[in-house]
Amino acid sequence: MSGYDLNFDRTCNRGGNSWRGAAPGIKRESNMKRCTLILLAGLLLAGLTFAGDSSCPEQTFTDPNSYGYGIDPNEIAVDPVSGQRLMLGVVTTEIGVPWEYEGYGCDPDGDTMTFASEAEIAVDGAVYTLSGIVGQVGLSYYDVSVTDTPADPNMTAYTRTGTVVVVGLPANQPPVLCGGRPE
């Protein structure tokens, strides 16, 4: 093959005190410069590849009936962007036991996002955590929304809203352990 060998592993890994892959007649310093250029080119390409948030998935919509528990689809928030009901997930817990639900938002444009919910919410960057304590047996519905703030004030801000369902189960009673035989 003519030209430079862009295989970083063969060209630039060190073995002992010498650089492998140096063509005959190329000094070690030239090979080191070449390795540095290959590394810098790789970092530049990685920066171009991951610029923006290419990791944002498409919005998905799950049928609330797929979870069971008798979830009322009419209690699931209608997403203002799509017009569809957006079910985010289900948490099951016993009465009196703290619960948490973690999710995230992302904006393909890299806009600032603001999260809101009627449940207690904590936000760390793009990750949100809803939490609470179930007080009754049955279903509780908590909406969570995220709104982007475009850098250009002339652009439209969008809000997505979905619902987390918390299923409150009766508290489990501990067993009784006795000695002897039952009467």
N, C-alpha and C. Protein backbone atom coordinates (compact mmCIF):
# COMPACT_ATOMS: atom_id res chain seq x y z
N MET A 1 0.85 -1.17 0.00
CA MET A 1 0.00 0.00 0.00
C MET A 1 0.90 1.23 0.00
N SER A 2 0.60 2.19 -0.83
CA SER A 2 1.41 3.40 -0.87
C SER A 2 0.78 4.45 0.04
N GLY A 3 1.53 5.47 0.40
CA GLY A 3 1.03 6.51 1.29
C GLY A 3 1.15 6.08 2.74
N TYR A 4 0.46 6.81 3.60
CA TYR A 4 0.53 6.51 5.03
C TYR A 4 -0.39 5.36 5.39
N ASP A 5 0.03 4.58 6.35
CA ASP A 5 -0.79 3.52 6.91
C ASP A 5 -1.58 4.15 8.05
N LEU A 6 -2.90 4.28 7.89
CA LEU A 6 -3.72 4.94 8.91
C LEU A 6 -4.19 3.99 9.99
N ASN A 7 -3.64 2.79 10.04
CA ASN A 7 -4.00 1.86 11.10
C ASN A 7 -3.21 2.25 12.34
N PHE A 8 -3.87 2.92 13.27
CA PHE A 8 -3.21 3.44 14.45
C PHE A 8 -2.55 2.33 15.26
N ASP A 9 -3.22 1.19 15.37
CA ASP A 9 -2.70 0.10 16.19
C ASP A 9 -1.34 -0.37 15.68
N ARG A 10 -1.23 -0.61 14.37
CA ARG A 10 0.03 -1.10 13.82
C ARG A 10 1.08 -0.01 13.76
N THR A 11 0.65 1.21 13.55
CA THR A 11 1.60 2.29 13.33
C THR A 11 2.08 2.94 14.62
N CYS A 12 1.22 3.04 15.61
CA CYS A 12 1.53 3.93 16.72
C CYS A 12 1.64 3.27 18.09
N ASN A 13 1.29 2.01 18.25
CA ASN A 13 1.46 1.39 19.56
C ASN A 13 2.93 1.20 19.85
N ARG A 14 3.28 1.42 21.11
CA ARG A 14 4.68 1.24 21.48
C ARG A 14 4.91 -0.18 21.93
N GLY A 15 6.00 -0.72 21.55
CA GLY A 15 6.41 -2.03 22.03
C GLY A 15 7.81 -1.87 22.58
N GLY A 16 7.96 -1.93 23.87
CA GLY A 16 9.27 -1.69 24.48
C GLY A 16 9.65 -0.24 24.30
N ASN A 17 10.88 0.00 23.80
CA ASN A 17 11.36 1.36 23.62
C ASN A 17 11.35 1.82 22.17
N SER A 18 10.77 1.02 21.27
CA SER A 18 10.75 1.44 19.87
C SER A 18 9.32 1.53 19.37
N TRP A 19 9.14 2.28 18.30
CA TRP A 19 7.82 2.41 17.68
C TRP A 19 7.72 1.39 16.57
N ARG A 20 6.64 0.58 16.64
CA ARG A 20 6.42 -0.41 15.59
C ARG A 20 5.81 0.27 14.38
N GLY A 21 5.98 -0.34 13.25
CA GLY A 21 5.32 0.12 12.05
C GLY A 21 6.08 1.18 11.29
N ALA A 22 7.19 1.63 11.80
CA ALA A 22 7.96 2.64 11.08
C ALA A 22 8.57 1.98 9.85
N ALA A 23 8.33 2.57 8.71
CA ALA A 23 8.88 2.02 7.48
C ALA A 23 10.40 2.17 7.52
N PRO A 24 11.10 1.27 6.84
CA PRO A 24 12.56 1.39 6.83
C PRO A 24 12.96 2.78 6.33
N GLY A 25 13.90 3.37 7.00
CA GLY A 25 14.41 4.68 6.59
C GLY A 25 13.66 5.84 7.22
N ILE A 26 12.54 5.58 7.93
CA ILE A 26 11.82 6.66 8.60
C ILE A 26 12.32 6.72 10.02
N LYS A 27 12.71 7.89 10.44
CA LYS A 27 13.22 8.05 11.80
C LYS A 27 12.07 7.96 12.80
N ARG A 28 12.42 7.60 14.02
CA ARG A 28 11.43 7.46 15.08
C ARG A 28 10.65 8.76 15.27
N GLU A 29 11.31 9.92 15.20
CA GLU A 29 10.63 11.20 15.39
C GLU A 29 9.57 11.40 14.32
N SER A 30 9.87 11.03 13.06
CA SER A 30 8.90 11.18 11.98
C SER A 30 7.69 10.30 12.24
N ASN A 31 7.91 9.09 12.71
CA ASN A 31 6.81 8.19 13.00
C ASN A 31 5.98 8.74 14.16
N MET A 32 6.63 9.34 15.16
CA MET A 32 5.91 9.93 16.28
C MET A 32 5.04 11.09 15.79
N LYS A 33 5.57 11.90 14.89
CA LYS A 33 4.79 13.01 14.35
C LYS A 33 3.59 12.46 13.58
N ARG A 34 3.82 11.41 12.81
CA ARG A 34 2.75 10.80 12.04
C ARG A 34 1.67 10.26 12.98
N CYS A 35 2.09 9.63 14.06
CA CYS A 35 1.13 9.10 15.03
C CYS A 35 0.34 10.23 15.68
N THR A 36 1.01 11.31 15.99
CA THR A 36 0.34 12.46 16.57
C THR A 36 -0.69 13.01 15.60
N LEU A 37 -0.33 13.13 14.31
CA LEU A 37 -1.27 13.62 13.31
C LEU A 37 -2.47 12.68 13.17
N ILE A 38 -2.22 11.38 13.18
CA ILE A 38 -3.32 10.42 13.08
C ILE A 38 -4.24 10.56 14.28
N LEU A 39 -3.68 10.71 15.47
CA LEU A 39 -4.48 10.86 16.68
C LEU A 39 -5.29 12.15 16.62
N LEU A 40 -4.68 13.26 16.22
CA LEU A 40 -5.40 14.53 16.12
C LEU A 40 -6.50 14.46 15.08
N ALA A 41 -6.24 13.82 13.96
CA ALA A 41 -7.26 13.67 12.92
C ALA A 41 -8.43 12.85 13.46
N GLY A 42 -8.13 11.80 14.22
CA GLY A 42 -9.18 10.98 14.81
C GLY A 42 -10.03 11.77 15.79
N LEU A 43 -9.39 12.59 16.61
CA LEU A 43 -10.14 13.41 17.56
C LEU A 43 -11.00 14.44 16.84
N LEU A 44 -10.48 15.03 15.77
CA LEU A 44 -11.25 15.99 14.99
C LEU A 44 -12.47 15.33 14.38
N LEU A 45 -12.28 14.14 13.80
CA LEU A 45 -13.41 13.42 13.20
C LEU A 45 -14.42 13.02 14.27
N ALA A 46 -13.96 12.62 15.44
CA ALA A 46 -14.88 12.26 16.52
C ALA A 46 -15.68 13.48 16.94
N GLY A 47 -15.04 14.64 17.01
CA GLY A 47 -15.74 15.87 17.35
C GLY A 47 -16.81 16.22 16.33
N LEU A 48 -16.50 16.05 15.05
CA LEU A 48 -17.48 16.33 14.01
C LEU A 48 -18.62 15.32 14.04
N THR A 49 -18.30 14.08 14.33
CA THR A 49 -19.31 13.03 14.36
C THR A 49 -20.28 13.22 15.50
N PHE A 50 -19.80 13.64 16.68
CA PHE A 50 -20.66 13.73 17.84
C PHE A 50 -21.11 15.15 18.13
N ALA A 51 -20.86 16.10 17.24
CA ALA A 51 -21.33 17.46 17.44
C ALA A 51 -22.85 17.45 17.39
N GLY A 52 -23.49 18.30 18.19
CA GLY A 52 -24.94 18.26 18.28
C GLY A 52 -25.31 17.03 19.10
N ASP A 53 -26.57 16.76 19.27
CA ASP A 53 -26.96 15.59 20.05
C ASP A 53 -27.55 14.55 19.12
N SER A 54 -26.67 13.78 18.49
CA SER A 54 -27.13 12.75 17.57
C SER A 54 -27.66 11.55 18.32
N SER A 55 -27.58 11.57 19.66
CA SER A 55 -28.04 10.42 20.43
C SER A 55 -29.52 10.53 20.80
N CYS A 56 -30.21 11.59 20.40
CA CYS A 56 -31.63 11.72 20.69
C CYS A 56 -32.41 10.68 19.90
N PRO A 57 -33.12 9.80 20.61
CA PRO A 57 -33.93 8.81 19.90
C PRO A 57 -35.22 9.44 19.40
N GLU A 58 -35.90 8.73 18.52
CA GLU A 58 -37.23 9.15 18.10
C GLU A 58 -38.17 9.01 19.29
N GLN A 59 -39.17 9.87 19.38
CA GLN A 59 -40.17 9.76 20.44
C GLN A 59 -40.99 8.50 20.20
N THR A 60 -41.16 7.68 21.23
CA THR A 60 -41.96 6.47 21.09
C THR A 60 -43.23 6.59 21.91
N PHE A 61 -44.25 5.89 21.48
CA PHE A 61 -45.55 5.92 22.14
C PHE A 61 -45.96 4.49 22.46
N THR A 62 -46.18 4.19 23.74
CA THR A 62 -46.51 2.85 24.20
C THR A 62 -47.99 2.80 24.58
N ASP A 63 -48.64 1.73 24.22
CA ASP A 63 -50.04 1.52 24.57
C ASP A 63 -50.13 1.33 26.09
N PRO A 64 -50.88 2.19 26.80
CA PRO A 64 -51.00 2.05 28.26
C PRO A 64 -51.54 0.68 28.68
N ASN A 65 -52.34 0.05 27.84
CA ASN A 65 -52.90 -1.25 28.18
C ASN A 65 -51.84 -2.35 28.20
N SER A 66 -50.69 -2.10 27.59
CA SER A 66 -49.64 -3.12 27.56
C SER A 66 -49.02 -3.34 28.94
N TYR A 67 -49.23 -2.42 29.87
CA TYR A 67 -48.67 -2.54 31.21
C TYR A 67 -49.55 -3.34 32.16
N GLY A 68 -50.83 -3.48 31.83
CA GLY A 68 -51.75 -4.10 32.78
C GLY A 68 -52.16 -3.09 33.84
N TYR A 69 -52.51 -3.53 35.01
CA TYR A 69 -52.90 -2.72 36.17
C TYR A 69 -54.18 -1.91 35.96
N GLY A 70 -54.86 -2.07 34.83
CA GLY A 70 -56.10 -1.33 34.59
C GLY A 70 -55.87 0.16 34.41
N ILE A 71 -54.79 0.54 33.78
CA ILE A 71 -54.47 1.95 33.55
C ILE A 71 -55.52 2.55 32.62
N ASP A 72 -56.05 3.71 33.01
CA ASP A 72 -57.04 4.42 32.21
C ASP A 72 -56.31 5.27 31.16
N PRO A 73 -56.43 4.91 29.88
CA PRO A 73 -55.72 5.68 28.85
C PRO A 73 -56.10 7.16 28.83
N ASN A 74 -57.31 7.48 29.30
CA ASN A 74 -57.75 8.88 29.32
C ASN A 74 -57.01 9.71 30.37
N GLU A 75 -56.33 9.05 31.29
CA GLU A 75 -55.55 9.76 32.31
C GLU A 75 -54.11 10.04 31.85
N ILE A 76 -53.73 9.49 30.71
CA ILE A 76 -52.38 9.69 30.18
C ILE A 76 -52.36 11.01 29.41
N ALA A 77 -51.33 11.81 29.67
CA ALA A 77 -51.22 13.13 29.04
C ALA A 77 -51.14 13.02 27.52
N VAL A 78 -51.77 13.98 26.86
CA VAL A 78 -51.66 14.09 25.41
C VAL A 78 -50.45 14.97 25.11
N ASP A 79 -49.50 14.41 24.39
CA ASP A 79 -48.29 15.15 24.01
C ASP A 79 -48.69 16.27 23.05
N PRO A 80 -48.37 17.53 23.37
CA PRO A 80 -48.78 18.65 22.51
C PRO A 80 -48.14 18.65 21.12
N VAL A 81 -47.00 18.01 20.96
CA VAL A 81 -46.34 18.01 19.66
C VAL A 81 -46.99 17.00 18.71
N SER A 82 -47.25 15.79 19.21
CA SER A 82 -47.77 14.73 18.35
C SER A 82 -49.28 14.57 18.41
N GLY A 83 -49.89 15.02 19.50
CA GLY A 83 -51.32 14.80 19.69
C GLY A 83 -51.64 13.40 20.18
N GLN A 84 -50.61 12.60 20.49
CA GLN A 84 -50.81 11.24 20.99
C GLN A 84 -50.60 11.20 22.50
N ARG A 85 -51.18 10.18 23.13
CA ARG A 85 -50.98 9.99 24.57
C ARG A 85 -49.58 9.41 24.78
N LEU A 86 -48.82 10.03 25.69
CA LEU A 86 -47.42 9.65 25.90
C LEU A 86 -47.25 9.02 27.28
N MET A 87 -47.21 7.70 27.29
CA MET A 87 -47.01 6.92 28.52
C MET A 87 -45.51 6.71 28.70
N LEU A 88 -44.95 7.20 29.80
CA LEU A 88 -43.51 7.09 30.01
C LEU A 88 -43.12 5.83 30.76
N GLY A 89 -43.94 5.40 31.71
CA GLY A 89 -43.58 4.20 32.45
C GLY A 89 -44.48 3.98 33.65
N VAL A 90 -44.25 2.87 34.34
CA VAL A 90 -45.03 2.48 35.51
C VAL A 90 -44.07 2.15 36.65
N VAL A 91 -44.42 2.61 37.84
CA VAL A 91 -43.69 2.27 39.06
C VAL A 91 -44.67 1.56 39.98
N THR A 92 -44.28 0.43 40.54
CA THR A 92 -45.11 -0.25 41.53
C THR A 92 -44.41 -0.19 42.87
N THR A 93 -45.19 0.11 43.90
CA THR A 93 -44.62 0.20 45.25
C THR A 93 -45.73 -0.01 46.27
N GLU A 94 -45.34 -0.34 47.46
CA GLU A 94 -46.29 -0.51 48.55
C GLU A 94 -46.61 0.84 49.18
N ILE A 95 -47.76 0.90 49.80
CA ILE A 95 -48.17 2.11 50.50
C ILE A 95 -47.14 2.46 51.57
N GLY A 96 -46.78 3.74 51.64
CA GLY A 96 -45.83 4.21 52.64
C GLY A 96 -44.37 4.04 52.25
N VAL A 97 -44.10 3.42 51.10
CA VAL A 97 -42.73 3.20 50.66
C VAL A 97 -42.37 4.24 49.60
N PRO A 98 -41.23 4.93 49.75
CA PRO A 98 -40.85 5.91 48.74
C PRO A 98 -40.64 5.25 47.37
N TRP A 99 -40.99 5.98 46.32
CA TRP A 99 -40.78 5.51 44.96
C TRP A 99 -40.00 6.55 44.19
N GLU A 100 -39.33 6.10 43.12
CA GLU A 100 -38.61 6.99 42.20
C GLU A 100 -38.81 6.50 40.78
N TYR A 101 -38.82 7.44 39.86
CA TYR A 101 -38.84 7.13 38.43
C TYR A 101 -37.83 8.05 37.77
N GLU A 102 -36.90 7.46 37.02
CA GLU A 102 -35.87 8.26 36.36
C GLU A 102 -36.08 8.22 34.85
N GLY A 103 -35.93 9.34 34.23
CA GLY A 103 -36.02 9.45 32.78
C GLY A 103 -35.09 10.54 32.30
N TYR A 104 -35.16 10.84 31.03
CA TYR A 104 -34.31 11.92 30.51
C TYR A 104 -34.99 12.59 29.33
N GLY A 105 -34.50 13.76 29.01
CA GLY A 105 -34.94 14.48 27.83
C GLY A 105 -33.71 14.83 27.02
N CYS A 106 -33.89 15.00 25.76
CA CYS A 106 -32.78 15.49 24.94
C CYS A 106 -33.35 16.35 23.83
N ASP A 107 -32.56 17.26 23.37
CA ASP A 107 -32.98 18.16 22.32
C ASP A 107 -31.98 18.06 21.18
N PRO A 108 -32.42 17.64 19.99
CA PRO A 108 -31.47 17.46 18.88
C PRO A 108 -30.75 18.74 18.47
N ASP A 109 -31.34 19.91 18.83
CA ASP A 109 -30.69 21.18 18.50
C ASP A 109 -29.73 21.63 19.58
N GLY A 110 -29.71 20.92 20.71
CA GLY A 110 -28.85 21.31 21.82
C GLY A 110 -29.40 22.47 22.62
N ASP A 111 -30.72 22.76 22.47
CA ASP A 111 -31.34 23.86 23.22
C ASP A 111 -31.40 23.55 24.70
N THR A 112 -31.46 24.58 25.52
CA THR A 112 -31.65 24.44 26.95
C THR A 112 -33.03 23.85 27.20
N MET A 113 -33.12 22.93 28.17
CA MET A 113 -34.40 22.29 28.48
C MET A 113 -34.80 22.59 29.91
N THR A 114 -36.12 22.73 30.12
CA THR A 114 -36.68 22.95 31.45
C THR A 114 -37.70 21.85 31.70
N PHE A 115 -37.58 21.17 32.85
CA PHE A 115 -38.48 20.08 33.22
C PHE A 115 -39.47 20.58 34.27
N ALA A 116 -40.68 19.98 34.26
CA ALA A 116 -41.70 20.32 35.26
C ALA A 116 -42.58 19.10 35.50
N SER A 117 -43.11 19.01 36.74
CA SER A 117 -44.03 17.93 37.08
C SER A 117 -44.78 18.31 38.35
N GLU A 118 -45.97 17.71 38.51
CA GLU A 118 -46.69 17.93 39.77
C GLU A 118 -46.14 17.02 40.87
N ALA A 119 -45.40 15.98 40.49
CA ALA A 119 -44.69 15.15 41.47
C ALA A 119 -43.41 15.88 41.86
N GLU A 120 -42.79 15.45 42.95
CA GLU A 120 -41.50 16.01 43.31
C GLU A 120 -40.52 15.65 42.20
N ILE A 121 -39.77 16.63 41.73
CA ILE A 121 -38.86 16.39 40.60
C ILE A 121 -37.49 16.96 40.91
N ALA A 122 -36.47 16.19 40.58
CA ALA A 122 -35.08 16.64 40.68
C ALA A 122 -34.49 16.52 39.28
N VAL A 123 -33.71 17.50 38.88
CA VAL A 123 -33.14 17.52 37.54
C VAL A 123 -31.63 17.65 37.66
N ASP A 124 -30.92 16.79 36.91
CA ASP A 124 -29.46 16.85 36.83
C ASP A 124 -29.10 16.81 35.36
N GLY A 125 -28.90 17.97 34.77
CA GLY A 125 -28.63 18.04 33.33
C GLY A 125 -29.85 17.63 32.55
N ALA A 126 -29.74 16.55 31.80
CA ALA A 126 -30.85 16.07 30.98
C ALA A 126 -31.65 14.97 31.67
N VAL A 127 -31.22 14.57 32.88
CA VAL A 127 -31.87 13.48 33.59
C VAL A 127 -32.80 14.05 34.65
N TYR A 128 -34.02 13.51 34.70
CA TYR A 128 -34.95 13.92 35.74
C TYR A 128 -35.32 12.72 36.60
N THR A 129 -35.63 12.98 37.86
CA THR A 129 -36.08 11.94 38.77
C THR A 129 -37.35 12.41 39.46
N LEU A 130 -38.43 11.67 39.25
CA LEU A 130 -39.68 11.92 39.97
C LEU A 130 -39.67 11.06 41.22
N SER A 131 -40.26 11.55 42.30
CA SER A 131 -40.30 10.75 43.51
C SER A 131 -41.50 11.13 44.35
N GLY A 132 -41.83 10.25 45.27
CA GLY A 132 -42.94 10.49 46.18
C GLY A 132 -43.13 9.30 47.08
N ILE A 133 -44.21 9.34 47.86
CA ILE A 133 -44.60 8.23 48.73
C ILE A 133 -46.07 7.97 48.46
N VAL A 134 -46.39 6.72 48.16
CA VAL A 134 -47.77 6.35 47.87
C VAL A 134 -48.58 6.34 49.16
N GLY A 135 -49.75 6.98 49.12
CA GLY A 135 -50.59 7.06 50.31
C GLY A 135 -51.83 6.20 50.24
N GLN A 136 -52.13 5.63 49.07
CA GLN A 136 -53.35 4.83 48.94
C GLN A 136 -53.16 3.72 47.92
N VAL A 137 -53.97 2.67 48.06
CA VAL A 137 -53.95 1.58 47.09
C VAL A 137 -54.60 2.09 45.81
N GLY A 138 -54.00 1.77 44.68
CA GLY A 138 -54.57 2.17 43.39
C GLY A 138 -53.55 2.88 42.53
N LEU A 139 -54.06 3.56 41.51
CA LEU A 139 -53.21 4.22 40.53
C LEU A 139 -53.14 5.72 40.76
N SER A 140 -51.95 6.27 40.62
CA SER A 140 -51.73 7.71 40.64
C SER A 140 -51.02 8.07 39.35
N TYR A 141 -51.44 9.18 38.75
CA TYR A 141 -50.90 9.60 37.46
C TYR A 141 -50.12 10.90 37.65
N TYR A 142 -48.86 10.92 37.22
CA TYR A 142 -48.01 12.10 37.35
C TYR A 142 -47.50 12.50 35.97
N ASP A 143 -47.83 13.71 35.57
CA ASP A 143 -47.35 14.22 34.29
C ASP A 143 -45.99 14.87 34.48
N VAL A 144 -45.15 14.72 33.48
CA VAL A 144 -43.85 15.39 33.45
C VAL A 144 -43.71 16.01 32.07
N SER A 145 -43.14 17.19 32.02
CA SER A 145 -42.95 17.85 30.72
C SER A 145 -41.55 18.43 30.62
N VAL A 146 -41.13 18.57 29.38
CA VAL A 146 -39.86 19.23 29.10
C VAL A 146 -40.11 20.25 28.00
N THR A 147 -39.56 21.44 28.19
CA THR A 147 -39.69 22.53 27.22
C THR A 147 -38.31 22.97 26.80
N ASP A 148 -38.12 23.11 25.49
CA ASP A 148 -36.82 23.61 25.03
C ASP A 148 -36.88 25.13 24.89
N THR A 149 -35.73 25.75 25.02
CA THR A 149 -35.60 27.19 24.85
C THR A 149 -34.60 27.42 23.72
N PRO A 150 -35.11 27.69 22.51
CA PRO A 150 -34.19 27.91 21.38
C PRO A 150 -33.28 29.11 21.62
N ALA A 151 -32.07 29.01 21.09
CA ALA A 151 -31.11 30.12 21.23
C ALA A 151 -31.63 31.37 20.53
N ASP A 152 -32.33 31.19 19.44
CA ASP A 152 -32.91 32.32 18.69
C ASP A 152 -34.32 32.56 19.20
N PRO A 153 -34.60 33.74 19.79
CA PRO A 153 -35.93 34.01 20.34
C PRO A 153 -37.04 34.02 19.29
N ASN A 154 -36.69 34.08 18.02
CA ASN A 154 -37.70 34.06 16.96
C ASN A 154 -38.15 32.64 16.62
N MET A 155 -37.47 31.65 17.20
CA MET A 155 -37.85 30.25 16.94
C MET A 155 -38.90 29.80 17.95
N THR A 156 -39.69 28.83 17.56
CA THR A 156 -40.74 28.31 18.41
C THR A 156 -40.17 27.36 19.47
N ALA A 157 -40.59 27.57 20.71
CA ALA A 157 -40.24 26.64 21.78
C ALA A 157 -41.27 25.51 21.78
N TYR A 158 -40.81 24.29 22.03
CA TYR A 158 -41.70 23.13 22.06
C TYR A 158 -41.71 22.51 23.44
N THR A 159 -42.87 21.95 23.80
CA THR A 159 -43.04 21.23 25.05
C THR A 159 -43.52 19.83 24.73
N ARG A 160 -42.90 18.84 25.38
CA ARG A 160 -43.38 17.45 25.30
C ARG A 160 -43.86 17.09 26.69
N THR A 161 -45.00 16.39 26.76
CA THR A 161 -45.58 16.01 28.04
C THR A 161 -45.94 14.54 28.02
N GLY A 162 -45.60 13.84 29.09
CA GLY A 162 -45.94 12.43 29.22
C GLY A 162 -46.35 12.12 30.64
N THR A 163 -46.74 10.88 30.87
CA THR A 163 -47.27 10.48 32.17
C THR A 163 -46.54 9.26 32.72
N VAL A 164 -46.25 9.31 34.01
CA VAL A 164 -45.74 8.17 34.76
C VAL A 164 -46.88 7.72 35.67
N VAL A 165 -47.16 6.42 35.67
CA VAL A 165 -48.22 5.87 36.52
C VAL A 165 -47.56 5.17 37.71
N VAL A 166 -48.03 5.51 38.91
CA VAL A 166 -47.54 4.87 40.13
C VAL A 166 -48.66 3.97 40.65
N VAL A 167 -48.35 2.70 40.79
CA VAL A 167 -49.31 1.71 41.28
C VAL A 167 -49.04 1.50 42.77
N GLY A 168 -50.01 1.90 43.59
CA GLY A 168 -49.90 1.71 45.04
C GLY A 168 -50.47 0.36 45.43
N LEU A 169 -49.63 -0.49 45.96
CA LEU A 169 -50.03 -1.83 46.38
C LEU A 169 -50.23 -1.85 47.90
N PRO A 170 -51.12 -2.74 48.40
CA PRO A 170 -51.26 -2.84 49.85
C PRO A 170 -49.94 -3.28 50.46
N ALA A 171 -49.67 -2.78 51.63
CA ALA A 171 -48.43 -3.15 52.31
C ALA A 171 -48.44 -4.64 52.62
N ASN A 172 -47.33 -5.30 52.35
CA ASN A 172 -47.20 -6.72 52.65
C ASN A 172 -47.08 -6.90 54.16
N GLN A 173 -47.78 -7.87 54.67
CA GLN A 173 -47.71 -8.16 56.10
C GLN A 173 -46.65 -9.23 56.32
N PRO A 174 -45.82 -9.08 57.35
CA PRO A 174 -44.79 -10.09 57.60
C PRO A 174 -45.42 -11.40 58.10
N PRO A 175 -44.76 -12.49 57.85
CA PRO A 175 -45.28 -13.77 58.36
C PRO A 175 -45.09 -13.85 59.88
N VAL A 176 -45.78 -14.80 60.47
CA VAL A 176 -45.62 -15.06 61.90
C VAL A 176 -44.85 -16.36 62.04
N LEU A 177 -43.83 -16.36 62.87
CA LEU A 177 -43.00 -17.54 63.09
C LEU A 177 -43.16 -17.99 64.53
N CYS A 178 -43.61 -19.19 64.71
CA CYS A 178 -43.90 -19.69 66.05
C CYS A 178 -43.14 -20.99 66.31
N GLY A 179 -42.95 -21.32 67.53
CA GLY A 179 -42.41 -22.61 67.91
C GLY A 179 -43.57 -23.58 68.20
N GLY A 180 -43.29 -24.85 68.20
CA GLY A 180 -44.33 -25.84 68.47
C GLY A 180 -45.19 -26.12 67.25
N ARG A 181 -46.30 -26.77 67.48
CA ARG A 181 -47.23 -27.12 66.41
C ARG A 181 -48.44 -26.23 66.49
N PRO A 182 -49.07 -25.95 65.32
CA PRO A 182 -50.27 -25.11 65.36
C PRO A 182 -51.40 -25.82 66.10
N GLU A 183 -52.23 -25.07 66.81
CA GLU A 183 -53.36 -25.64 67.55
C GLU A 183 -54.58 -25.69 66.70
